[in-house]
Amino acid sequence: MSINNLLVEKALELKPQEKIVLIEALVSSLDKPDPEIAKIWLQEAEARLKSYREGKSKGIPAEEIFKEGL
């Protein structure tokens, strides 16, 4: 039996709550933000806010945004 099969077999033997903890831990381990990308997005957000506050760009009302999704 390969290690992969053994891991899956053992995971399937867990209680439901233990499975949830395992799943959350696995997903969390994959969802690590890249600090460089986070820095770039922060700079972009700050630039957009500055542009809005200076009147160089205008906002779109939330009602309009959410209406488009329906």
N, C-alpha and C. Protein backbone atom coordinates (compact mmCIF):
# COMPACT_ATOMS: atom_id res chain seq x y z
N MET A 1 0.85 -1.17 0.00
CA MET A 1 0.00 0.00 0.00
C MET A 1 0.90 1.25 0.00
N SER A 2 0.60 2.18 -0.89
CA SER A 2 1.43 3.38 -0.97
C SER A 2 1.10 4.34 0.17
N ILE A 3 2.00 5.26 0.40
CA ILE A 3 1.81 6.24 1.46
C ILE A 3 0.56 7.08 1.22
N ASN A 4 0.28 7.40 -0.06
CA ASN A 4 -0.91 8.18 -0.39
C ASN A 4 -2.18 7.44 0.00
N ASN A 5 -2.25 6.16 -0.35
CA ASN A 5 -3.42 5.36 -0.01
C ASN A 5 -3.57 5.24 1.50
N LEU A 6 -2.47 5.08 2.20
CA LEU A 6 -2.50 4.96 3.64
C LEU A 6 -3.01 6.25 4.28
N LEU A 7 -2.55 7.38 3.80
CA LEU A 7 -3.01 8.67 4.32
C LEU A 7 -4.51 8.85 4.11
N VAL A 8 -4.97 8.54 2.92
CA VAL A 8 -6.39 8.68 2.62
C VAL A 8 -7.20 7.73 3.48
N GLU A 9 -6.74 6.53 3.60
CA GLU A 9 -7.44 5.53 4.41
C GLU A 9 -7.55 6.00 5.86
N LYS A 10 -6.47 6.49 6.40
CA LYS A 10 -6.48 6.98 7.79
C LYS A 10 -7.38 8.21 7.93
N ALA A 11 -7.33 9.10 6.96
CA ALA A 11 -8.17 10.30 7.02
C ALA A 11 -9.64 9.94 6.99
N LEU A 12 -10.01 8.94 6.22
CA LEU A 12 -11.40 8.52 6.14
C LEU A 12 -11.90 7.87 7.43
N GLU A 13 -10.99 7.42 8.26
CA GLU A 13 -11.35 6.82 9.54
C GLU A 13 -11.62 7.87 10.62
N LEU A 14 -11.28 9.11 10.35
CA LEU A 14 -11.46 10.17 11.34
C LEU A 14 -12.94 10.44 11.58
N LYS A 15 -13.22 10.97 12.76
CA LYS A 15 -14.57 11.43 13.09
C LYS A 15 -14.83 12.69 12.27
N PRO A 16 -16.11 13.01 12.02
CA PRO A 16 -16.43 14.20 11.21
C PRO A 16 -15.73 15.47 11.69
N GLN A 17 -15.74 15.74 12.98
CA GLN A 17 -15.11 16.96 13.50
C GLN A 17 -13.60 16.93 13.26
N GLU A 18 -12.98 15.77 13.38
CA GLU A 18 -11.54 15.64 13.12
C GLU A 18 -11.24 15.87 11.64
N LYS A 19 -12.15 15.42 10.78
CA LYS A 19 -11.98 15.65 9.33
C LYS A 19 -12.02 17.13 9.02
N ILE A 20 -12.93 17.85 9.69
CA ILE A 20 -13.03 19.29 9.47
C ILE A 20 -11.73 19.99 9.88
N VAL A 21 -11.19 19.61 11.03
CA VAL A 21 -9.93 20.19 11.49
C VAL A 21 -8.83 19.91 10.48
N LEU A 22 -8.76 18.69 9.99
CA LEU A 22 -7.75 18.31 8.99
C LEU A 22 -7.91 19.11 7.71
N ILE A 23 -9.14 19.22 7.24
CA ILE A 23 -9.40 19.96 6.00
C ILE A 23 -9.01 21.42 6.16
N GLU A 24 -9.40 22.03 7.29
CA GLU A 24 -9.05 23.44 7.52
C GLU A 24 -7.54 23.63 7.57
N ALA A 25 -6.84 22.70 8.19
CA ALA A 25 -5.38 22.80 8.27
C ALA A 25 -4.75 22.68 6.88
N LEU A 26 -5.26 21.76 6.08
CA LEU A 26 -4.72 21.57 4.73
C LEU A 26 -4.98 22.79 3.85
N VAL A 27 -6.21 23.29 3.88
CA VAL A 27 -6.55 24.46 3.07
C VAL A 27 -5.73 25.67 3.53
N SER A 28 -5.62 25.84 4.82
CA SER A 28 -4.85 26.95 5.36
C SER A 28 -3.39 26.88 4.92
N SER A 29 -2.85 25.68 4.84
CA SER A 29 -1.45 25.54 4.43
C SER A 29 -1.25 25.92 2.97
N LEU A 30 -2.32 25.82 2.16
CA LEU A 30 -2.23 26.17 0.75
C LEU A 30 -2.51 27.65 0.50
N ASP A 31 -3.16 28.29 1.45
CA ASP A 31 -3.65 29.64 1.26
C ASP A 31 -2.72 30.67 1.90
N LYS A 32 -1.45 30.56 1.63
CA LYS A 32 -0.47 31.51 2.17
C LYS A 32 -0.30 32.66 1.19
N PRO A 33 -0.63 33.88 1.63
CA PRO A 33 -0.47 35.01 0.72
C PRO A 33 1.00 35.29 0.40
N ASP A 34 1.24 35.70 -0.80
CA ASP A 34 2.58 36.09 -1.22
C ASP A 34 2.80 37.52 -0.76
N PRO A 35 3.76 37.76 0.12
CA PRO A 35 3.98 39.11 0.66
C PRO A 35 4.22 40.16 -0.42
N GLU A 36 4.89 39.79 -1.48
CA GLU A 36 5.17 40.75 -2.55
C GLU A 36 3.90 41.14 -3.29
N ILE A 37 3.03 40.17 -3.55
CA ILE A 37 1.76 40.47 -4.22
C ILE A 37 0.88 41.30 -3.30
N ALA A 38 0.84 40.96 -2.01
CA ALA A 38 0.05 41.74 -1.05
C ALA A 38 0.54 43.19 -1.01
N LYS A 39 1.84 43.40 -1.08
CA LYS A 39 2.42 44.74 -1.07
C LYS A 39 1.98 45.51 -2.32
N ILE A 40 2.01 44.85 -3.47
CA ILE A 40 1.61 45.49 -4.73
C ILE A 40 0.13 45.88 -4.69
N TRP A 41 -0.73 44.97 -4.18
CA TRP A 41 -2.16 45.26 -4.08
C TRP A 41 -2.42 46.42 -3.11
N LEU A 42 -1.69 46.49 -2.03
CA LEU A 42 -1.85 47.58 -1.07
C LEU A 42 -1.49 48.91 -1.75
N GLN A 43 -0.40 48.92 -2.49
CA GLN A 43 0.00 50.14 -3.20
C GLN A 43 -1.07 50.55 -4.21
N GLU A 44 -1.65 49.57 -4.90
CA GLU A 44 -2.70 49.85 -5.88
C GLU A 44 -3.93 50.42 -5.20
N ALA A 45 -4.33 49.82 -4.07
CA ALA A 45 -5.50 50.30 -3.34
C ALA A 45 -5.28 51.72 -2.84
N GLU A 46 -4.10 52.00 -2.34
CA GLU A 46 -3.79 53.34 -1.86
C GLU A 46 -3.80 54.36 -3.00
N ALA A 47 -3.29 53.96 -4.15
CA ALA A 47 -3.28 54.85 -5.32
C ALA A 47 -4.70 55.13 -5.79
N ARG A 48 -5.55 54.12 -5.79
CA ARG A 48 -6.95 54.31 -6.20
C ARG A 48 -7.69 55.21 -5.23
N LEU A 49 -7.46 55.02 -3.92
CA LEU A 49 -8.11 55.87 -2.93
C LEU A 49 -7.65 57.31 -3.08
N LYS A 50 -6.38 57.52 -3.29
CA LYS A 50 -5.84 58.88 -3.48
C LYS A 50 -6.48 59.53 -4.71
N SER A 51 -6.56 58.78 -5.80
CA SER A 51 -7.16 59.28 -7.02
C SER A 51 -8.62 59.67 -6.80
N TYR A 52 -9.34 58.83 -6.06
CA TYR A 52 -10.75 59.12 -5.75
C TYR A 52 -10.86 60.39 -4.90
N ARG A 53 -10.05 60.48 -3.86
CA ARG A 53 -10.11 61.64 -2.96
C ARG A 53 -9.72 62.93 -3.66
N GLU A 54 -8.86 62.85 -4.66
CA GLU A 54 -8.45 64.03 -5.41
C GLU A 54 -9.42 64.37 -6.55
N GLY A 55 -10.46 63.56 -6.70
CA GLY A 55 -11.46 63.81 -7.74
C GLY A 55 -11.02 63.39 -9.13
N LYS A 56 -9.96 62.62 -9.22
CA LYS A 56 -9.46 62.17 -10.52
C LYS A 56 -10.22 60.94 -11.02
N SER A 57 -10.93 60.28 -10.13
CA SER A 57 -11.76 59.15 -10.51
C SER A 57 -13.03 59.20 -9.67
N LYS A 58 -14.08 58.58 -10.16
CA LYS A 58 -15.31 58.60 -9.38
C LYS A 58 -15.71 57.18 -9.00
N GLY A 59 -16.42 57.10 -7.92
CA GLY A 59 -16.86 55.80 -7.43
C GLY A 59 -18.16 55.36 -8.09
N ILE A 60 -18.49 54.13 -7.86
CA ILE A 60 -19.75 53.57 -8.33
C ILE A 60 -20.54 53.16 -7.09
N PRO A 61 -21.77 53.62 -6.95
CA PRO A 61 -22.56 53.26 -5.77
C PRO A 61 -22.69 51.74 -5.62
N ALA A 62 -22.62 51.28 -4.39
CA ALA A 62 -22.70 49.83 -4.11
C ALA A 62 -23.98 49.24 -4.68
N GLU A 63 -25.09 49.97 -4.58
CA GLU A 63 -26.36 49.46 -5.10
C GLU A 63 -26.24 49.11 -6.58
N GLU A 64 -25.54 49.93 -7.31
CA GLU A 64 -25.36 49.69 -8.75
C GLU A 64 -24.51 48.45 -9.00
N ILE A 65 -23.47 48.28 -8.21
CA ILE A 65 -22.59 47.12 -8.36
C ILE A 65 -23.36 45.84 -8.08
N PHE A 66 -24.08 45.82 -6.95
CA PHE A 66 -24.81 44.61 -6.56
C PHE A 66 -25.97 44.33 -7.49
N LYS A 67 -26.56 45.37 -8.07
CA LYS A 67 -27.66 45.20 -9.00
C LYS A 67 -27.18 44.48 -10.26
N GLU A 68 -25.96 44.77 -10.71
CA GLU A 68 -25.40 44.15 -11.90
C GLU A 68 -25.22 42.65 -11.74
N GLY A 69 -24.97 42.20 -10.51
CA GLY A 69 -24.74 40.79 -10.28
C GLY A 69 -26.00 39.95 -10.31
N LEU A 70 -27.16 40.58 -10.27
CA LEU A 70 -28.42 39.83 -10.24
C LEU A 70 -28.91 39.45 -11.59
